[in-house]
Amino acid sequence: MQDNTSPTVVITGASSGIGLGLAQAYLERGFNVVANARTEERLAAAAKQLGNPARLLGVAGDIGRRDTAQQLVERAVERFGQVDVLINNAGIFNAKPFVEYTEDDLEQMVATNLKGFVYASQAAAKHMVARRQGHIVNITASIALQPNQQVPAALPVLIKGGINAATRALALELAPHNVKVNAVAPGIVDTPLYTPEQHGFLNGLAPAGRIATVREIADAVLYLTSADFTTGVVLPVDGGMSSGKW
């Protein structure tokens, strides 16, 4: 069943972790959700958890490819009539000493983290500019705002930091068209990426003494996509990690 009356959000990397939590949060708010993941199998597993098939559309494909990004927007418009929100969530975070990054590490992060942001944002921005409304939210990383000696991650910082800067530049470019561009910069988040055994160390990385929940990240994104006079903001959600040395 098609629903053209409710707002529609496109979420990349939506099959697990933060992306899955975002999909659930927006479904609860009455949005139509277009979820992207690399494979049909991942999307099927996510859809089973999320339920609500009338408001959920899965689009499989590598977000580092331009045709996948274009298909996301085209299928969203075809099914639900418009795209109101794009969340560039898909990303790879690989922390290791700088000299140990391989050519494959670089290519994978550029494809998913950088090309995924560029292609999806281009496709959504064209649609939003034509409609003169929309929100783009980029999921970056607070470590790009304040590096941490205990977590060597220069390559992700390079790319996520660049997206933080591009968020502000794109916000200025699209402001005359009533399209808002913001970013949420999480610290460490409780996702399947980390085992319970790692939580003790991870909790100590934030002044707040704990890691974030997925819902806390989703709440920040929900705020930004309801704030119609807020654009060009990079919002840390990290328990104080990016506030400075502590």
Protein backbone atom coordinates (compact mmCIF):
# COMPACT_ATOMS: atom_id res chain seq x y z
CA MET A 1 0.00 0.00 0.00
CA GLN A 2 1.38 3.41 -1.01
CA ASP A 3 1.38 6.30 1.45
CA ASN A 4 1.98 9.74 -0.08
CA THR A 5 0.67 11.67 2.94
CA SER A 6 3.45 10.89 5.44
CA PRO A 7 7.03 12.22 5.25
CA THR A 8 9.68 9.90 3.87
CA VAL A 9 13.21 9.28 5.14
CA VAL A 10 16.00 7.50 3.26
CA ILE A 11 18.58 5.82 5.50
CA THR A 12 21.82 4.29 4.24
CA GLY A 13 23.43 1.45 6.16
CA ALA A 14 20.08 0.67 7.77
CA SER A 15 20.33 -3.06 8.46
CA SER A 16 22.05 -2.95 11.86
CA GLY A 17 23.40 -0.73 14.62
CA ILE A 18 22.66 2.98 14.38
CA GLY A 19 20.96 2.64 10.99
CA LEU A 20 18.51 0.03 12.25
CA GLY A 21 17.78 2.17 15.31
CA LEU A 22 17.15 5.17 13.08
CA ALA A 23 14.72 3.19 10.95
CA GLN A 24 12.80 2.12 14.05
CA ALA A 25 12.72 5.67 15.45
CA TYR A 26 11.36 7.15 12.22
CA LEU A 27 8.75 4.43 11.82
CA GLU A 28 7.58 5.26 15.34
CA ARG A 29 7.27 8.91 14.26
CA GLY A 30 4.98 7.93 11.37
CA PHE A 31 7.54 8.30 8.58
CA ASN A 32 7.82 6.11 5.53
CA VAL A 33 11.30 4.57 5.64
CA VAL A 34 13.47 3.65 2.66
CA ALA A 35 16.25 1.47 4.03
CA ASN A 36 19.47 0.71 2.20
CA ALA A 37 21.93 -2.10 2.92
CA ARG A 38 24.47 -3.93 0.82
CA THR A 39 22.49 -7.17 0.41
CA GLU A 40 18.89 -8.37 0.21
CA GLU A 41 19.60 -10.81 3.04
CA ARG A 42 20.54 -8.01 5.44
CA LEU A 43 17.48 -6.02 4.47
CA ALA A 44 15.21 -9.02 4.97
CA ALA A 45 16.57 -9.58 8.48
CA ALA A 46 16.11 -5.89 9.32
CA ALA A 47 12.58 -5.85 7.92
CA LYS A 48 11.67 -8.80 10.13
CA GLN A 49 12.80 -6.84 13.20
CA LEU A 50 11.15 -3.60 12.15
CA GLY A 51 7.78 -4.89 10.96
CA ASN A 52 5.43 -2.27 9.45
CA PRO A 53 5.82 -3.38 5.80
CA ALA A 54 3.37 -0.76 4.52
CA ARG A 55 5.78 2.01 5.53
CA LEU A 56 9.09 0.23 4.86
CA LEU A 57 10.90 -0.18 1.54
CA GLY A 58 14.26 -1.93 1.28
CA VAL A 59 16.70 -1.10 -1.51
CA ALA A 60 19.80 -3.29 -1.68
CA GLY A 61 23.06 -2.11 -3.20
CA ASP A 62 26.51 -0.65 -2.58
CA ILE A 63 26.03 2.98 -1.58
CA GLY A 64 29.52 3.69 -2.92
CA ARG A 65 28.02 3.38 -6.42
CA ARG A 66 26.20 6.31 -7.99
CA ASP A 67 23.50 4.09 -9.49
CA THR A 68 22.57 2.75 -6.04
CA ALA A 69 22.14 6.27 -4.68
CA GLN A 70 20.01 7.31 -7.64
CA GLN A 71 17.88 4.19 -7.30
CA LEU A 72 17.28 4.95 -3.61
CA VAL A 73 15.73 8.32 -4.40
CA GLU A 74 13.89 7.13 -7.50
CA ARG A 75 12.28 4.19 -5.70
CA ALA A 76 11.41 6.34 -2.71
CA VAL A 77 9.59 8.81 -4.97
CA GLU A 78 7.92 6.00 -6.90
CA ARG A 79 6.63 4.31 -3.74
CA PHE A 80 5.96 7.22 -1.39
CA GLY A 81 5.87 10.35 -3.55
CA GLN A 82 8.83 12.30 -2.16
CA VAL A 83 12.00 12.28 -0.06
CA ASP A 84 11.89 14.61 2.93
CA VAL A 85 14.98 13.40 4.82
CA LEU A 86 18.25 11.71 3.85
CA ILE A 87 20.44 10.22 6.57
CA ASN A 88 23.94 9.36 5.38
CA ASN A 89 24.60 6.70 7.98
CA ALA A 90 26.52 3.98 6.10
CA GLY A 91 30.14 3.98 7.16
CA ILE A 92 33.19 1.94 8.07
CA PHE A 93 35.21 2.81 11.19
CA ASN A 94 38.58 1.10 11.28
CA ALA A 95 40.85 2.16 14.14
CA LYS A 96 44.52 1.18 13.87
CA PRO A 97 47.95 2.83 13.78
CA PHE A 98 48.27 5.04 10.71
CA VAL A 99 51.18 3.13 9.16
CA GLU A 100 49.15 -0.11 9.25
CA TYR A 101 46.35 1.07 6.96
CA THR A 102 46.37 -0.92 3.74
CA GLU A 103 45.35 0.00 0.22
CA ASP A 104 42.17 -2.06 0.71
CA ASP A 105 41.38 -0.19 3.94
CA LEU A 106 41.65 3.12 2.11
CA GLU A 107 39.58 2.01 -0.87
CA GLN A 108 36.80 0.59 1.31
CA MET A 109 36.54 3.71 3.45
CA VAL A 110 36.61 6.04 0.47
CA ALA A 111 33.92 4.00 -1.29
CA THR A 112 31.50 3.73 1.64
CA ASN A 113 32.23 6.78 3.79
CA LEU A 114 33.07 9.35 1.12
CA LYS A 115 31.48 8.26 -2.15
CA GLY A 116 28.39 7.09 -0.29
CA PHE A 117 27.97 10.56 1.20
CA VAL A 118 28.58 12.33 -2.12
CA TYR A 119 26.35 10.20 -4.34
CA ALA A 120 23.40 9.92 -1.95
CA SER A 121 23.53 13.64 -1.10
CA GLN A 122 23.67 14.61 -4.77
CA ALA A 123 20.64 12.48 -5.63
CA ALA A 124 18.62 13.71 -2.65
CA ALA A 125 19.65 17.36 -3.04
CA LYS A 126 18.44 17.52 -6.65
CA HIS A 127 15.04 16.24 -5.55
CA MET A 128 14.87 18.47 -2.46
CA VAL A 129 15.93 21.63 -4.29
CA ALA A 130 13.18 21.04 -6.84
CA ARG A 131 10.66 20.71 -3.98
CA ARG A 132 12.25 23.58 -2.00
CA GLN A 133 12.34 21.56 1.21
CA GLY A 134 14.31 18.78 2.86
CA HIS A 135 16.85 17.72 5.44
CA ILE A 136 20.18 15.93 4.99
CA VAL A 137 21.87 14.57 8.13
CA ASN A 138 25.35 13.05 8.03
CA ILE A 139 26.49 10.58 10.68
CA THR A 140 30.15 11.40 11.27
CA ALA A 141 32.31 10.83 14.38
CA SER A 142 33.23 12.96 17.37
CA ILE A 143 36.81 11.72 17.17
CA ALA A 144 37.08 13.84 14.02
CA LEU A 145 36.40 16.87 16.25
CA GLN A 146 38.77 15.80 19.03
CA PRO A 147 41.28 12.99 18.28
CA ASN A 148 42.11 10.61 21.10
CA GLN A 149 45.58 9.15 21.63
CA GLN A 150 44.03 5.92 22.96
CA VAL A 151 42.13 5.37 19.70
CA PRO A 152 44.44 5.83 16.69
CA ALA A 153 42.11 6.42 13.74
CA ALA A 154 43.70 8.95 11.41
CA LEU A 155 42.10 7.57 8.25
CA PRO A 156 38.48 7.66 9.50
CA VAL A 157 39.23 11.08 11.02
CA LEU A 158 40.45 12.28 7.61
CA ILE A 159 37.20 11.30 5.90
CA LYS A 160 34.70 12.01 8.68
CA GLY A 161 36.39 15.34 9.39
CA GLY A 162 36.07 16.20 5.73
CA ILE A 163 32.36 15.40 5.85
CA ASN A 164 31.99 17.63 8.92
CA ALA A 165 33.47 20.49 6.89
CA ALA A 166 31.39 19.62 3.83
CA THR A 167 28.27 19.66 6.00
CA ARG A 168 28.80 23.34 6.70
CA ALA A 169 29.69 24.16 3.10
CA LEU A 170 26.68 22.31 1.71
CA ALA A 171 24.42 23.95 4.29
CA LEU A 172 25.41 27.36 2.92
CA GLU A 173 24.94 26.23 -0.68
CA LEU A 174 21.49 24.76 -0.13
CA ALA A 175 20.11 27.27 2.40
CA PRO A 176 18.52 29.47 -0.30
CA HIS A 177 16.57 26.40 -1.45
CA ASN A 178 15.19 25.64 2.05
CA VAL A 179 17.25 22.45 2.33
CA LYS A 180 18.93 21.96 5.71
CA VAL A 181 22.23 20.08 6.08
CA ASN A 182 23.52 18.99 9.49
CA ALA A 183 25.61 16.25 11.06
CA VAL A 184 25.53 14.15 14.19
CA ALA A 185 28.97 13.15 15.47
CA PRO A 186 28.64 10.13 17.78
CA GLY A 187 31.27 8.98 20.20
CA ILE A 188 31.33 5.28 21.10
CA VAL A 189 27.90 3.70 20.65
CA ASP A 190 26.55 0.41 21.99
CA THR A 191 26.22 -1.55 18.73
CA PRO A 192 27.14 -5.10 17.65
CA LEU A 193 30.50 -3.66 16.57
CA TYR A 194 31.67 -4.00 20.18
CA THR A 195 31.55 -7.01 22.49
CA PRO A 196 30.39 -6.69 26.11
CA GLU A 197 33.97 -7.45 27.16
CA GLN A 198 35.12 -4.24 25.47
CA HIS A 199 32.62 -2.01 27.23
CA GLY A 200 34.76 -1.49 30.34
CA PHE A 201 37.54 0.14 28.31
CA LEU A 202 35.09 1.99 26.07
CA ASN A 203 33.14 3.43 29.00
CA GLY A 204 36.34 5.06 30.21
CA LEU A 205 36.80 7.00 26.98
CA ALA A 206 34.01 9.47 27.75
CA PRO A 207 33.83 11.94 30.64
CA ALA A 208 30.25 10.73 31.19
CA GLY A 209 31.67 7.31 32.06
CA ARG A 210 29.58 5.30 29.62
CA ILE A 211 28.95 4.80 25.93
CA ALA A 212 25.89 6.06 24.06
CA THR A 213 22.81 4.05 23.25
CA VAL A 214 21.61 3.84 19.67
CA ARG A 215 18.42 5.61 20.72
CA GLU A 216 20.42 8.61 21.97
CA ILE A 217 21.94 8.99 18.51
CA ALA A 218 18.52 8.60 16.89
CA ASP A 219 17.05 11.25 19.18
CA ALA A 220 19.69 13.76 18.05
CA VAL A 221 18.97 13.02 14.39
CA LEU A 222 15.22 13.33 15.00
CA TYR A 223 15.80 16.73 16.59
CA LEU A 224 17.80 18.02 13.63
CA THR A 225 15.18 16.88 11.12
CA SER A 226 12.49 18.72 13.05
CA ALA A 227 14.53 21.93 13.44
CA ASP A 228 13.62 23.99 10.39
CA PHE A 229 15.88 26.94 11.19
CA THR A 230 18.98 24.90 12.06
CA THR A 231 21.55 24.18 9.37
CA GLY A 232 25.32 23.77 9.17
CA VAL A 233 25.53 22.21 12.64
CA VAL A 234 27.83 19.35 13.64
CA LEU A 235 26.25 18.03 16.84
CA PRO A 236 28.45 15.81 19.06
CA VAL A 237 26.63 13.06 20.95
CA ASP A 238 29.56 11.63 22.88
CA GLY A 239 29.25 12.21 26.63
CA GLY A 240 31.78 15.04 26.46
CA MET A 241 34.54 13.25 24.49
CA SER A 242 34.96 16.11 22.00
CA SER A 243 34.93 18.88 24.61
CA GLY A 244 38.69 18.74 25.10
CA LYS A 245 41.39 16.98 27.08
CA TRP A 246 40.18 15.49 30.39
